[in-house]
Protein backbone atom coordinates (compact mmCIF):
# COMPACT_ATOMS: atom_id res chain seq x y z
CA MET A 1 -29.81 -17.17 -12.23
CA LYS A 2 -26.02 -16.77 -12.20
CA GLN A 3 -24.19 -19.28 -9.99
CA ILE A 4 -20.87 -18.14 -8.44
CA LEU A 5 -18.49 -20.22 -6.31
CA PHE A 6 -16.19 -18.16 -4.09
CA VAL A 7 -13.36 -20.15 -2.46
CA THR A 8 -11.79 -18.15 0.36
CA TYR A 9 -9.62 -18.56 3.43
CA ASN A 10 -9.60 -20.40 6.75
CA ARG A 11 -8.16 -17.57 8.83
CA ILE A 12 -10.40 -14.75 9.95
CA GLY A 13 -8.08 -11.92 8.91
CA ASP A 14 -7.54 -13.23 5.38
CA ALA A 15 -11.25 -13.96 4.99
CA VAL A 16 -12.12 -10.39 6.03
CA LEU A 17 -9.60 -9.01 3.54
CA SER A 18 -11.32 -11.02 0.79
CA SER A 19 -14.74 -9.56 1.64
CA GLY A 20 -14.22 -6.60 -0.68
CA VAL A 21 -14.06 -8.83 -3.74
CA LEU A 22 -17.04 -10.82 -2.49
CA SER A 23 -19.05 -7.62 -2.01
CA TRP A 24 -18.01 -6.43 -5.46
CA LEU A 25 -19.39 -9.66 -6.96
CA ALA A 26 -22.69 -9.17 -5.13
CA ASP A 27 -22.91 -5.57 -6.35
CA ARG A 28 -21.90 -6.45 -9.92
CA TYR A 29 -24.30 -9.40 -10.17
CA PRO A 30 -27.24 -8.55 -7.88
CA ASP A 31 -29.29 -11.53 -9.01
CA ALA A 32 -26.46 -14.06 -8.57
CA GLU A 33 -26.49 -16.88 -6.03
CA ILE A 34 -23.08 -17.00 -4.38
CA THR A 35 -21.72 -20.10 -2.66
CA VAL A 36 -18.82 -19.46 -0.29
CA ALA A 37 -16.34 -22.24 0.54
CA CYS A 38 -14.17 -21.53 3.59
CA GLY A 39 -12.83 -22.98 6.82
CA PRO A 40 -15.06 -23.59 9.88
CA ALA A 41 -13.49 -20.64 11.76
CA THR A 42 -14.67 -18.15 9.15
CA ALA A 43 -17.98 -19.70 8.08
CA THR A 44 -20.22 -17.45 10.17
CA LEU A 45 -18.39 -14.35 8.89
CA PHE A 46 -20.29 -14.52 5.59
CA ARG A 47 -23.71 -15.23 7.11
CA ASP A 48 -25.06 -11.73 6.50
CA GLN A 49 -23.12 -10.91 3.32
CA PRO A 50 -25.41 -9.91 0.40
CA GLY A 51 -25.81 -12.50 -2.33
CA VAL A 52 -24.52 -15.42 -0.26
CA VAL A 53 -27.03 -18.28 -0.34
CA ARG A 54 -24.83 -21.16 0.80
CA ILE A 55 -21.71 -21.59 2.95
CA ILE A 56 -19.66 -24.76 2.67
CA GLU A 57 -17.43 -25.40 5.66
CA MET A 58 -14.16 -27.07 4.70
CA ALA A 59 -13.01 -28.83 7.86
CA LYS A 60 -9.44 -29.97 7.29
CA LYS A 61 -9.06 -33.70 6.59
CA LYS A 62 -6.15 -36.03 5.99
CA ARG A 63 -4.72 -36.36 2.47
CA ALA A 64 -6.51 -33.20 1.33
CA GLY A 65 -9.84 -34.89 1.91
CA HIS A 66 -11.53 -31.55 2.52
CA TRP A 67 -10.89 -30.60 -1.08
CA PHE A 68 -12.43 -33.86 -2.30
CA SER A 69 -15.42 -33.18 -0.06
CA LEU A 70 -15.80 -29.72 -1.58
CA TRP A 71 -15.61 -31.19 -5.08
CA LYS A 72 -18.40 -33.67 -4.29
CA GLN A 73 -20.61 -30.85 -3.01
CA THR A 74 -20.03 -28.60 -6.02
CA VAL A 75 -19.45 -30.88 -9.04
CA GLY A 76 -23.16 -31.20 -9.75
CA THR A 77 -23.58 -27.46 -10.39
CA ARG A 78 -22.80 -25.76 -13.66
CA TRP A 79 -21.07 -22.63 -12.42
CA ASP A 80 -21.12 -19.36 -14.26
CA MET A 81 -18.01 -18.25 -12.38
CA VAL A 82 -15.50 -19.83 -10.01
CA VAL A 83 -13.32 -17.43 -8.00
CA ASP A 84 -10.60 -19.38 -6.20
CA LEU A 85 -8.40 -17.44 -3.79
CA ARG A 86 -6.70 -20.65 -2.63
CA ALA A 87 -5.33 -21.56 -6.09
CA SER A 88 -6.58 -25.11 -5.72
CA LEU A 89 -6.87 -27.82 -8.34
CA ILE A 90 -10.60 -28.05 -7.74
CA SER A 91 -11.22 -24.93 -9.83
CA TYR A 92 -10.22 -26.87 -12.91
CA LEU A 93 -12.29 -29.94 -12.03
CA LEU A 94 -15.64 -28.17 -12.02
CA ARG A 95 -17.83 -27.17 -14.95
CA ALA A 96 -17.54 -23.39 -15.17
CA LYS A 97 -17.98 -20.74 -17.84
CA SER A 98 -15.14 -18.71 -16.33
CA ARG A 99 -12.42 -19.42 -13.77
CA HIS A 100 -10.45 -16.85 -11.82
CA VAL A 101 -7.57 -18.25 -9.78
CA LEU A 102 -5.43 -16.00 -7.57
CA ARG A 103 -1.72 -16.02 -8.29
CA GLN A 104 0.82 -15.53 -5.54
CA ASP A 105 2.33 -12.05 -5.17
CA THR A 106 4.03 -11.12 -1.91
CA SER A 107 4.96 -7.61 -3.10
CA LEU A 108 1.43 -6.26 -2.63
CA HIS A 109 -0.79 -5.63 0.36
CA ARG A 110 -3.31 -8.45 0.59
CA VAL A 111 -6.28 -6.29 -0.42
CA PRO A 112 -4.95 -5.23 -3.86
CA HIS A 113 -3.38 -8.67 -4.24
CA ILE A 114 -6.72 -10.41 -3.75
CA ALA A 115 -8.35 -7.92 -6.14
CA THR A 116 -6.02 -9.04 -8.92
CA VAL A 117 -8.00 -12.27 -9.17
CA LEU A 118 -10.64 -10.27 -11.07
CA GLY A 119 -8.35 -7.48 -12.28
CA LEU A 120 -10.09 -4.90 -10.09
CA LYS A 121 -8.45 -1.46 -9.92
CA PRO A 122 -8.75 0.24 -7.55
CA PRO A 123 -9.25 -2.71 -5.22
CA PRO A 124 -12.61 -2.85 -3.48
CA PRO A 125 -12.08 -2.29 0.26
CA PRO A 126 -13.05 -5.03 2.75
CA ARG A 127 -16.68 -4.69 3.70
CA LEU A 128 -18.66 -6.65 6.26
CA ALA A 129 -22.41 -6.60 6.35
CA THR A 130 -24.32 -7.06 9.61
CA GLY A 131 -27.84 -8.44 9.73
CA ALA A 132 -30.75 -7.21 11.82
CA THR A 133 -30.41 -10.02 14.36
CA SER A 134 -26.70 -9.34 14.90
CA ARG A 135 -27.33 -5.60 15.25
CA GLN A 136 -30.09 -6.23 17.78
CA THR A 137 -27.72 -8.40 19.83
CA ALA A 138 -25.04 -5.72 19.62
CA THR A 139 -27.46 -3.06 20.90
CA GLY A 140 -27.99 -5.13 24.03
CA LEU A 141 -24.26 -5.73 24.55
CA VAL A 142 -23.16 -2.18 23.72
CA PRO A 143 -25.98 0.15 24.77
CA ASP A 144 -25.95 3.84 23.94
CA GLY A 145 -23.87 5.97 26.27
CA ALA A 146 -20.28 7.13 26.63
CA PRO A 147 -17.84 6.62 23.71
CA VAL A 148 -16.42 3.14 23.25
CA LEU A 149 -12.74 2.28 22.81
CA ALA A 150 -12.47 -1.22 21.31
CA ILE A 151 -9.33 -3.14 22.24
CA GLY A 152 -7.91 -6.32 20.72
CA PRO A 153 -5.24 -7.39 23.24
CA THR A 154 -4.78 -10.93 21.91
CA ALA A 155 -3.47 -12.63 18.78
CA ASN A 156 -3.33 -16.10 17.28
CA TRP A 157 0.18 -16.57 18.69
CA ALA A 158 2.03 -14.93 21.55
CA GLY A 159 4.77 -13.36 19.44
CA LYS A 160 2.24 -10.95 17.85
CA ALA A 161 0.73 -9.87 21.20
CA TRP A 162 1.75 -6.55 22.73
CA PRO A 163 2.30 -6.96 26.51
CA ALA A 164 -0.90 -6.66 28.54
CA GLU A 165 0.59 -4.09 30.92
CA ARG A 166 1.25 -1.78 27.97
CA PHE A 167 -2.31 -2.13 26.74
CA ILE A 168 -3.49 -1.18 30.21
CA GLU A 169 -1.30 1.93 30.30
CA LEU A 170 -2.35 2.92 26.77
CA ILE A 171 -6.05 2.54 27.61
CA LYS A 172 -5.63 4.75 30.69
CA ARG A 173 -4.00 7.47 28.60
CA LEU A 174 -6.47 7.24 25.72
CA THR A 175 -9.50 7.45 28.02
CA ALA A 176 -8.12 10.09 30.38
CA ALA A 177 -9.82 13.48 30.60
CA ASP A 178 -7.28 14.90 28.14
CA GLY A 179 -7.00 11.73 26.04
CA VAL A 180 -8.21 10.82 22.58
CA LEU A 181 -11.51 9.36 23.93
CA PRO A 182 -12.13 10.95 27.33
CA HIS A 183 -13.99 8.75 29.84
CA ALA A 184 -14.71 6.11 27.18
CA ARG A 185 -16.00 2.66 27.93
CA ILE A 186 -13.63 -0.19 27.07
CA MET A 187 -14.73 -3.00 24.76
CA ILE A 188 -12.45 -6.06 24.91
CA ILE A 189 -12.58 -8.42 21.94
CA GLY A 190 -11.06 -11.88 21.49
CA ALA A 191 -11.76 -15.56 21.00
CA ALA A 192 -12.81 -17.89 23.81
CA ALA A 193 -9.44 -19.66 23.66
CA GLU A 194 -7.71 -16.30 24.25
CA ARG A 195 -9.59 -15.40 27.43
CA ASP A 196 -6.70 -16.10 29.80
CA ALA A 197 -4.49 -13.73 27.76
CA ALA A 198 -7.17 -11.02 27.83
CA LEU A 199 -8.03 -11.28 31.56
CA PRO A 200 -5.25 -8.94 32.80
CA VAL A 201 -6.67 -6.15 30.65
CA ILE A 202 -10.28 -6.96 31.57
CA ASN A 203 -9.52 -7.02 35.30
CA ALA A 204 -7.51 -3.78 35.25
CA PHE A 205 -10.64 -1.61 35.00
CA SER A 206 -13.88 -1.35 36.91
CA PRO A 207 -16.62 -3.66 35.60
CA ASP A 208 -18.98 -0.76 34.89
CA ARG A 209 -16.51 0.55 32.28
CA VAL A 210 -15.69 -2.78 30.61
CA ILE A 211 -17.70 -4.39 27.83
CA ASP A 212 -16.29 -7.92 27.94
CA LEU A 213 -16.95 -9.70 24.64
CA VAL A 214 -14.10 -12.21 24.78
CA GLY A 215 -15.53 -15.54 23.64
CA LYS A 216 -19.12 -14.27 23.95
CA THR A 217 -20.04 -13.31 20.38
CA ASP A 218 -19.83 -14.92 16.96
CA LEU A 219 -18.21 -13.07 14.07
CA PRO A 220 -21.30 -11.21 12.73
CA GLN A 221 -22.19 -10.15 16.29
CA THR A 222 -18.62 -8.97 16.86
CA ALA A 223 -18.80 -6.92 13.64
CA ALA A 224 -22.09 -5.38 14.77
CA CYS A 225 -20.60 -4.50 18.17
CA LEU A 226 -17.61 -2.89 16.45
CA GLU A 227 -20.01 -0.75 14.44
CA ARG A 228 -21.12 0.76 17.75
CA ALA A 229 -17.57 1.62 18.88
CA ASP A 230 -15.66 4.84 18.22
CA CYS A 231 -12.10 3.61 17.78
CA TYR A 232 -10.15 0.32 17.73
CA VAL A 233 -6.60 -0.42 18.87
CA GLY A 234 -5.24 -3.93 18.73
CA ASN A 235 -2.66 -6.45 17.62
CA ASP A 236 -2.48 -7.77 14.07
CA SER A 237 -5.47 -10.12 14.20
CA GLY A 238 -8.85 -10.94 12.70
CA PRO A 239 -10.74 -8.43 14.88
CA MET A 240 -8.39 -5.65 13.70
CA HIS A 241 -9.38 -6.32 10.08
CA MET A 242 -13.04 -6.61 11.08
CA ALA A 243 -12.90 -3.19 12.74
CA ALA A 244 -11.47 -1.64 9.58
CA ALA A 245 -14.03 -3.43 7.40
CA VAL A 246 -16.97 -1.89 9.28
CA GLY A 247 -15.44 1.59 8.90
CA LEU A 248 -14.13 2.00 12.45
CA PRO A 249 -10.98 4.14 12.95
CA THR A 250 -8.41 1.40 13.44
CA LEU A 251 -4.83 1.37 14.72
CA GLY A 252 -2.96 -1.90 14.19
CA LEU A 253 0.04 -2.79 16.36
CA PHE A 254 2.72 -4.74 14.49
CA GLY A 255 5.88 -6.68 15.23
CA PRO A 256 6.64 -10.12 13.70
CA SER A 257 4.19 -9.63 10.83
CA PRO A 258 4.50 -7.17 7.93
CA GLU A 259 2.11 -4.22 7.97
CA ALA A 260 2.99 -3.71 4.31
CA ARG A 261 1.03 -6.90 3.64
CA TYR A 262 -1.43 -7.08 6.51
CA GLY A 263 -2.01 -3.56 7.79
CA PRO A 264 -5.66 -2.56 8.36
CA TRP A 265 -7.12 -1.25 5.09
CA GLY A 266 -9.07 1.96 4.76
CA PRO A 267 -8.75 5.77 4.93
CA LYS A 268 -9.38 5.69 8.70
CA CYS A 269 -6.63 3.16 9.41
CA ALA A 270 -3.00 3.29 10.50
CA SER A 271 -0.27 0.91 11.62
CA ILE A 272 2.55 1.32 14.14
CA ARG A 273 5.54 -0.79 15.09
CA GLY A 274 8.62 -0.42 17.26
CA ALA A 275 12.11 0.48 16.11
CA ARG A 276 12.77 -2.96 14.58
CA SER A 277 11.40 -3.76 11.14
CA PHE A 278 9.65 -7.01 10.35
CA GLU A 279 12.76 -8.24 8.56
CA GLU A 280 15.00 -7.39 11.53
CA ILE A 281 12.72 -9.27 13.92
CA ILE A 282 12.48 -12.50 11.96
CA SER A 283 16.18 -12.52 11.03
CA ASP A 284 17.29 -12.24 14.67
CA PRO A 285 19.01 -15.53 15.69
CA SER A 286 16.85 -15.68 18.81
CA TYR A 287 13.57 -15.47 16.85
CA ASP A 288 11.35 -18.55 17.14
CA PHE A 289 7.73 -18.43 15.99
CA ARG A 290 6.95 -21.34 18.32
CA SER A 291 8.03 -19.34 21.35
CA THR A 292 5.55 -17.78 23.79
CA LYS A 293 7.73 -14.67 24.06
CA SER A 294 6.27 -11.40 22.77
CA GLU A 295 8.15 -9.90 19.82
CA MET A 296 6.32 -6.59 20.37
CA THR A 297 8.32 -5.18 23.27
CA GLY A 298 10.06 -2.68 21.00
CA LEU A 299 6.81 -0.71 20.67
CA SER A 300 6.46 1.85 23.47
CA VAL A 301 3.24 3.16 24.98
CA ASP A 302 4.31 6.68 24.01
CA ASP A 303 4.63 5.72 20.33
CA ALA A 304 1.31 3.88 20.32
CA TYR A 305 -0.45 6.83 21.96
CA GLN A 306 1.06 9.28 19.49
CA ALA A 307 -0.07 7.09 16.58
CA ALA A 308 -3.62 6.98 17.97
CA TYR A 309 -3.61 10.74 18.51
CA THR A 310 -2.34 11.37 14.97
CA LEU A 311 -4.98 9.08 13.48
CA LYS A 312 -7.75 10.83 15.42
CA ALA A 313 -6.47 14.26 14.35
CA LYS A 314 -6.34 13.14 10.72
CA ILE A 315 -9.92 11.87 10.81
CA ASP A 316 -11.15 15.04 12.54
CA ALA A 317 -9.42 17.18 9.90
CA GLN A 318 -11.06 15.13 7.15
CA ALA A 319 -14.48 15.63 8.69
CA MET A 320 -13.98 19.38 8.97
CA ASN A 321 -12.19 19.74 5.63
CA LYS A 322 -9.32 21.50 7.38
CA SER A 323 -6.56 19.93 5.29
CA PRO A 324 -6.34 19.27 1.55
CA LYS A 325 -6.84 15.71 0.39
CA LEU A 326 -4.37 15.70 -2.52
CA SER A 327 -1.24 17.77 -3.10
CA THR A 328 0.72 17.62 -6.32
CA LEU A 329 4.46 18.21 -6.36
CA THR A 330 6.34 19.40 -9.45
CA VAL A 331 10.11 19.87 -9.30
CA ALA A 332 11.51 21.93 -12.17
CA HIS A 333 14.79 23.36 -13.47
CA ASN A 334 14.33 25.89 -16.29
CA GLU A 335 11.07 24.34 -17.50
CA GLU A 336 9.09 27.44 -18.57
CA HIS A 337 8.18 25.72 -21.87
CA ASN A 338 6.66 22.69 -20.08
CA LEU A 339 5.37 23.98 -16.77
CA LYS A 340 2.07 25.58 -17.80
CA ALA A 341 0.69 22.49 -19.55
CA CYS A 342 1.80 20.33 -16.63
CA LEU A 343 0.14 22.50 -13.97
CA ASP A 344 -3.02 23.01 -16.03
CA ALA A 345 -3.48 19.22 -16.10
CA LEU A 346 -3.22 19.16 -12.28
CA SER A 347 -6.09 21.58 -11.63
CA PHE A 348 -8.11 18.72 -10.07
CA ALA A 349 -5.77 18.67 -7.03
CA ASP A 350 -6.49 20.50 -3.76
CA GLU A 351 -2.98 21.96 -3.68
CA ARG A 352 -0.22 22.39 -6.26
CA VAL A 353 3.34 22.74 -4.95
CA VAL A 354 6.19 23.73 -7.27
CA VAL A 355 9.90 23.49 -6.40
CA LEU A 356 12.10 25.64 -8.64
CA ASP A 357 15.73 24.51 -8.52
CA ARG A 358 18.23 27.15 -9.68
CA CYS A 359 15.89 28.43 -12.37
CA THR A 360 17.18 31.28 -14.54
CA ASP A 361 14.27 31.37 -16.99
CA GLY A 362 10.63 32.39 -16.55
CA SER A 363 9.52 29.27 -14.67
CA LYS A 364 8.42 31.26 -11.59
CA GLN A 365 6.22 33.60 -13.63
CA VAL A 366 4.67 30.61 -15.41
CA ALA A 367 3.96 28.85 -12.07
CA LEU A 368 2.38 31.99 -10.63
CA ALA A 369 0.20 32.53 -13.70
CA ALA A 370 -0.91 28.88 -13.58
CA GLY A 371 -2.13 29.34 -10.01
CA ALA A 372 0.41 27.26 -8.08
CA ASP A 373 -0.45 27.35 -4.38
CA THR A 374 3.11 27.10 -3.08
CA ILE A 375 6.36 27.97 -4.88
CA ILE A 376 9.71 27.11 -3.30
CA GLU A 377 12.91 28.47 -4.79
CA GLY A 378 16.42 27.29 -3.96
CA ALA A 379 19.50 25.38 -5.01
CA TRP A 380 19.68 21.63 -4.41
CA PRO A 381 22.50 19.87 -6.30
CA ILE A 382 21.18 16.49 -5.07
CA GLU A 383 17.86 15.41 -6.60
CA GLY A 384 16.61 13.69 -3.45
CA ASP A 385 17.15 16.83 -1.36
CA ARG A 386 14.97 19.03 -3.57
CA ARG A 387 12.25 16.42 -3.83
CA ASN A 388 12.21 15.85 -0.07
CA ALA A 389 11.94 19.61 0.43
CA GLY A 390 8.89 19.64 -1.81
CA ILE A 391 7.28 16.67 -0.06
CA GLU A 392 7.71 18.38 3.31
CA ALA A 393 5.93 21.48 1.94
CA CYS A 394 2.88 19.47 0.81
CA LYS A 395 -0.10 19.72 3.17
CA GLY A 396 -2.31 17.05 1.57
CA GLU A 397 -2.94 13.61 2.99
CA TRP A 398 -1.77 12.25 -0.36
CA VAL A 399 0.98 13.51 -2.64
CA LEU A 400 1.21 13.04 -6.40
CA GLU A 401 4.65 13.70 -7.91
CA VAL A 402 4.49 14.92 -11.50
CA ASP A 403 7.49 16.25 -13.40
CA ALA A 404 7.19 19.27 -15.67
CA ASP A 405 7.49 17.10 -18.80
CA GLU A 406 4.59 14.88 -17.74
CA ARG A 407 0.85 15.24 -18.34
CA VAL A 408 -1.89 13.71 -16.18
CA PRO A 409 -4.94 12.74 -18.30
CA ALA A 410 -8.46 13.20 -16.95
CA ASP A 411 -9.03 9.43 -16.57
CA LEU A 412 -6.00 9.16 -14.31
CA ALA A 413 -7.24 12.10 -12.22
CA ARG A 414 -10.54 10.26 -11.66
CA GLU A 415 -8.72 7.04 -10.75
CA ILE A 416 -6.52 8.90 -8.27
CA ASP A 417 -9.59 10.44 -6.65
CA ALA A 418 -11.15 6.99 -6.25
CA VAL A 419 -8.14 5.26 -4.68
CA THR A 420 -7.26 8.07 -2.29
CA LEU A 421 -10.78 8.03 -0.88
CA ALA A 422 -10.63 4.34 0.02
CA SER A 423 -6.98 3.45 0.65
CA PRO A 424 -4.88 3.27 3.82
CA SER A 425 -1.41 4.76 4.10
CA GLY A 426 1.01 3.52 1.44
CA TYR A 427 1.92 4.11 -2.19
CA TYR A 428 0.73 3.30 -5.70
CA LEU A 429 2.83 2.77 -8.78
CA ILE A 430 1.87 4.88 -11.78
CA GLN A 431 2.74 3.70 -15.27
CA PHE A 432 4.22 5.91 -18.00
CA ASP A 433 3.60 6.29 -21.67
CA ASN A 434 7.04 7.59 -22.65
CA TYR A 435 7.33 9.72 -25.78
CA VAL A 436 10.39 10.42 -27.92
CA GLY A 437 9.21 13.42 -29.89
CA LYS A 438 5.70 12.47 -31.01
CA THR A 439 6.39 8.73 -30.98
CA ARG A 440 5.09 6.73 -28.04
CA VAL A 441 7.69 4.22 -26.83
CA ARG A 442 5.93 2.15 -24.19
CA TYR A 443 8.17 -0.91 -23.88
CA GLY A 444 11.80 -1.57 -22.98
CA TRP A 445 12.34 1.14 -20.37
CA GLY A 446 14.11 0.30 -17.13
CA ALA A 447 15.89 1.94 -14.25
CA TYR A 448 18.99 3.00 -16.17
CA ILE A 449 17.66 4.99 -19.13
CA GLY A 450 14.01 5.50 -18.22
CA ALA A 451 11.16 3.99 -16.23
CA SER A 452 7.95 2.26 -17.24
CA ALA A 453 6.39 2.85 -13.79
CA ALA A 454 7.30 4.60 -10.54
CA PRO A 455 5.85 5.15 -7.04
CA ARG A 456 4.36 8.58 -7.71
CA LEU A 457 1.15 8.55 -5.63
CA PHE A 458 1.72 8.13 -1.91
CA ALA A 459 0.29 8.99 1.47
CA ARG A 460 2.23 11.68 3.24
CA GLY A 461 5.01 10.16 5.34
CA THR A 462 5.41 7.01 3.22
CA LYS A 463 8.09 8.15 0.75
CA LYS A 464 11.55 9.61 1.19
CA TRP A 465 14.21 10.14 -1.46
CA GLY A 466 17.85 9.08 -1.05
CA ARG A 467 20.88 11.23 -1.91
CA GLN A 468 22.24 9.38 -4.97
CA ARG A 469 22.72 11.66 -7.96
CA VAL A 470 21.01 9.40 -10.50
CA HIS A 471 17.86 7.37 -9.78
CA PRO A 472 18.02 7.91 -6.00
CA ALA A 473 17.05 5.10 -3.67
CA LEU A 474 13.61 5.38 -2.06
CA GLU A 475 12.32 4.64 1.41
CA LEU A 476 8.72 3.54 0.91
CA GLY A 477 5.76 2.43 2.95
CA PRO A 478 3.40 -0.41 1.96
CA ARG A 479 2.80 -0.94 -1.74
CA LEU A 480 -0.92 -0.71 -2.41
CA GLY A 481 -0.97 -1.54 -6.11
CA MET A 482 -0.57 -0.06 -9.57
CA LEU A 483 -2.97 2.37 -11.19
CA GLU A 484 -4.49 1.45 -14.52
CA THR A 485 -4.28 4.78 -16.36
CA ARG A 486 -0.88 6.04 -17.50
CA VAL A 487 0.90 9.38 -17.29
CA ASP A 488 2.08 10.85 -20.60
CA HIS A 489 5.82 11.45 -20.23
CA LEU A 490 7.51 13.63 -22.87
CA VAL A 491 10.83 12.05 -22.01
CA ASP A 492 13.00 13.13 -24.99
CA ASP A 493 12.55 15.46 -27.96
CA ASN A 494 14.58 13.19 -30.25
CA ILE A 495 17.44 10.69 -30.29
CA THR A 496 20.01 13.45 -29.80
CA ASP A 497 18.14 14.48 -26.64
CA MET A 498 18.08 10.85 -25.47
CA LEU A 499 21.85 10.54 -25.93
CA ALA A 500 22.43 13.81 -24.07
CA ARG A 501 20.34 12.51 -21.16
CA PHE A 502 22.34 9.28 -21.21
CA ASP A 503 25.51 11.37 -20.91
CA ARG A 504 24.09 13.29 -17.91
CA TYR A 505 22.96 10.12 -16.15
CA THR A 506 26.29 8.30 -16.59
CA THR A 507 28.12 11.42 -15.37
CA GLY A 508 25.98 11.54 -12.24
CA ASN A 509 26.47 7.83 -11.64
CA ALA A 510 30.24 8.22 -12.10
CA ARG A 511 30.21 10.82 -9.32
CA ASP A 512 28.33 8.39 -7.08
CA LEU A 513 30.87 5.64 -7.80
CA ILE A 514 33.72 7.95 -6.84
CA SER A 515 32.16 9.47 -3.71
CA SER A 516 31.02 6.07 -2.38
CA GLY A 517 34.35 4.39 -3.11
CA LYS A 518 32.64 1.72 -5.22
CA VAL A 519 34.83 2.55 -8.22
CA GLU A 520 37.69 0.85 -6.34
CA THR A 521 35.83 -2.45 -6.16
CA GLU A 522 34.37 -2.43 -9.68
CA THR A 523 36.23 -3.86 -12.69
CA LEU A 524 36.00 -3.28 -16.41
CA ARG A 525 35.49 -6.99 -17.05
CA ARG A 526 32.54 -7.18 -14.65
CA ASN A 527 30.83 -4.22 -16.28
CA ILE A 528 31.41 -5.55 -19.79
CA ARG A 529 29.77 -8.80 -18.73
CA ARG A 530 26.69 -6.86 -17.68
CA ILE A 531 26.11 -5.44 -21.17
CA PRO A 532 24.33 -8.47 -22.71
CA SER A 533 22.20 -9.18 -19.63
CA ARG A 534 21.07 -5.55 -19.39
CA PHE A 535 20.33 -5.45 -23.10
CA TYR A 536 18.39 -8.72 -22.89
CA LYS A 537 16.33 -7.46 -19.97
CA ALA A 538 15.35 -4.27 -21.80
CA TYR A 539 14.97 -5.60 -25.32
CA VAL A 540 13.46 -9.04 -24.64
CA ARG A 541 12.01 -9.26 -21.12
CA ARG A 542 10.65 -5.71 -21.16
CA LYS A 543 9.57 -6.18 -24.77
CA GLY A 544 11.65 -3.40 -26.27
CA TYR A 545 11.60 -5.36 -29.53
CA ARG A 546 8.02 -4.21 -29.99
CA GLU A 547 9.22 -0.63 -30.42
CA GLY A 548 11.50 -1.21 -33.41
CA GLY A 549 14.57 1.00 -33.59
CA TYR A 550 13.69 3.02 -30.50
CA GLY A 551 13.37 -0.15 -28.44
CA PHE A 552 16.75 -1.38 -29.74
CA LEU A 553 18.38 1.94 -28.77
CA VAL A 554 16.82 1.83 -25.30
CA GLY A 555 18.24 -1.68 -24.87
CA VAL A 556 21.70 -0.65 -26.06
CA LEU A 557 21.84 2.35 -23.71
CA ALA A 558 20.59 0.23 -20.80
CA GLY A 559 23.42 -2.22 -21.46
CA LEU A 560 26.07 0.48 -21.77
CA TYR A 561 25.00 2.50 -18.75
CA PRO A 562 27.09 0.65 -16.09
CA VAL A 563 30.25 0.36 -18.19
CA VAL A 564 30.21 3.97 -19.40
CA SER A 565 29.64 5.16 -15.82
CA TYR A 566 32.57 3.03 -14.66
CA LEU A 567 34.89 4.25 -17.44
CA LYS A 568 34.14 7.89 -16.61
CA ALA A 569 34.80 7.29 -12.91
CA SER A 570 37.95 5.18 -13.35
CA LEU A 571 39.65 6.89 -16.32
CA GLU A 572 38.72 10.54 -15.74
CA PRO A 573 37.98 10.95 -12.03
CA GLU A 574 39.22 14.52 -12.01
CA HIS A 575 36.23 15.52 -14.16
CA TYR A 576 33.60 13.95 -11.89
CA THR A 577 34.17 15.30 -8.41
CA ASP A 578 31.60 16.78 -6.04
CA GLY A 579 32.73 20.26 -6.90
CA ASN A 580 31.29 20.09 -10.40
CA GLU A 581 27.62 19.16 -10.14
CA SER A 582 25.31 18.69 -13.09
CA ASP A 583 21.55 18.93 -13.31
CA GLN A 584 19.49 15.83 -13.88
CA LYS A 585 16.39 16.09 -15.99
C-alpha cells in the first residue's frame, strides 16, 4: 500500500486551490493511503476527499513547535511520496522514496503554481468532494425550489470586503424579474466570526427568501450547499474558491488582492475589480492592511452586475454551443508559400481567422482554399494595430495566435483542447522550437532577435497589443502557465535571412526611438555597455552555447540590437521617420 504525505495550507482559500493536486494523487494512485497535514481551520475540508485516510491538524505553536509535532507523528512511517506545499524542512527529515517540494513563483496563478510541485501540465483544477452525510445536511438546509444565488459578503479582513449596501443593491438587481436569476433565493455564506459583517445583507431581505448559513455549517457541508446553488458572487475568500471547486458559476470581486494570482479557477469563473489595479491600491500612501476601511469602493454595482450578466451569457452560450470555443488568428504579409501548411495544421480549431496586411501575392486565394472562416484585408503599418483587429474579429472564447511561418503539432492541439476546457480567463505561454533552415535552434533566443516562448493562447479580452513597431508591449490578464508541447517556428531560411530580419527589427526600433523622443536621452556609451550583458544573457543564461555557431550568432545579434538601433536613430534620423514604414516579419 503506497503511503503519501500531503502537506498543505492553513488558509481555506489556499487549501482549496491545492485540492486539484490532491485529487490528482488520489486518481493516479487509487490504492494509496494519503495523510494530509494542514492547519485546524482547513482540517475538515479534506474529510470527504478520496484517498485521505488521516488528517493531522497543525495548530500553530511557539518556536515552530507545530512542525516538530508533525515530525513526531510522521517520522515512524516510511513514505513512498512526500508532497510539501509549504517548503518546510520536515520534508527532508522523513524517510521517503520521493520528495516534491513547492518552489516559490509569484508570476503564476496559484493553481498552476501549485501544480508545478509534481510537474503537472495542464494543472488539475481544484476539486472538492462531498460525502453522503454532508449532502444530506445540505438537502435539509437548501431544499428544492426556486434558483439559489449564493453570496459571500465577508472576507478575512475588512479591506477585501465590498460594502454591504452594494451587495444588497446587486442582489436586488440580479434577482429581479429581468435579472440574471429572477426571483432567486439568497444563500449567505460566511464564518461565525464574520456574522456581524454579514447581518446587514441578511436583514435586507425577507426571511423566507434568505438561506442563512453564516457560522452554521462546516466546510464539507458548505461545499455541499454550494453544489445546490445556481451562481455565486462574493469577495476574494475561501468560500469563493469553494464555489468554483464544486463547479458553480463564480464571480469573484477583487480589490487589494491580485486576481491574477487568486482569481476563482475554472471555465465558469470570472473576476471583476474597480478602476484601480491591485498595484495602484497597495502603493497608495493611504493604504494600510491593518485598517478596517474597505479598499473595494472603486467597484460599482453596475460593473459587478455587468460582469455577472456576461458570465451567465457565456455559460449559456457554452451549453447551447452558440459560440466557438477556440479561434485561431494568423496575421500574414505576402505569405502564400507558408499559409496553406499553417492553416492545415489549425484544422482542429472551431474558427480560423486570417488577417492579410497589404498582400500583393496569392495569400487570399490560399486562405480561401484552405477553408479560413474569416479573412480580413487592409493596411496596418503598426503590428499591434493589425493584430488587435484580428483579435476583435475572433468569436471564440479562446484565441490562439499562430504566424504563417509556424506549425502547430497534433500533440499541442490536444494540450490546448485540454487546458481551454478547464481554465479560467487568462493566458498561457507557448514555447517555440525555432528553425534556421532545417536546423532546430532551441536555445539562446530572447526578446531582441527571437523568442523562446510567448503568450499565444489566451481567453478573449485578456490580451491587447501595443503600438511599438518592434516587439510591441502587451496588456495581459492573469498568467495561467506554460504549455508543454512546442510550436515549430520556421524563423529564418538561413543566416542571410536572419541578418535581414535583424536589419528590419533595428530599423523599426530606430523609428520608435525617434518618435518617442528616447533617442535624445540615450547615449552611445550606455548602449555599448549593454553589448556584453545582452550577449551573456543569450549565450550563457539562455544556453545559446548549446547551439554552436547559431547560438553564438544569436548572442551577438542580441548584444548588438540596442546599439545598432541607436546608431540608426541618432546618425541617420532622416531615413527612419514615420513616413517610411517597413514590414516586420
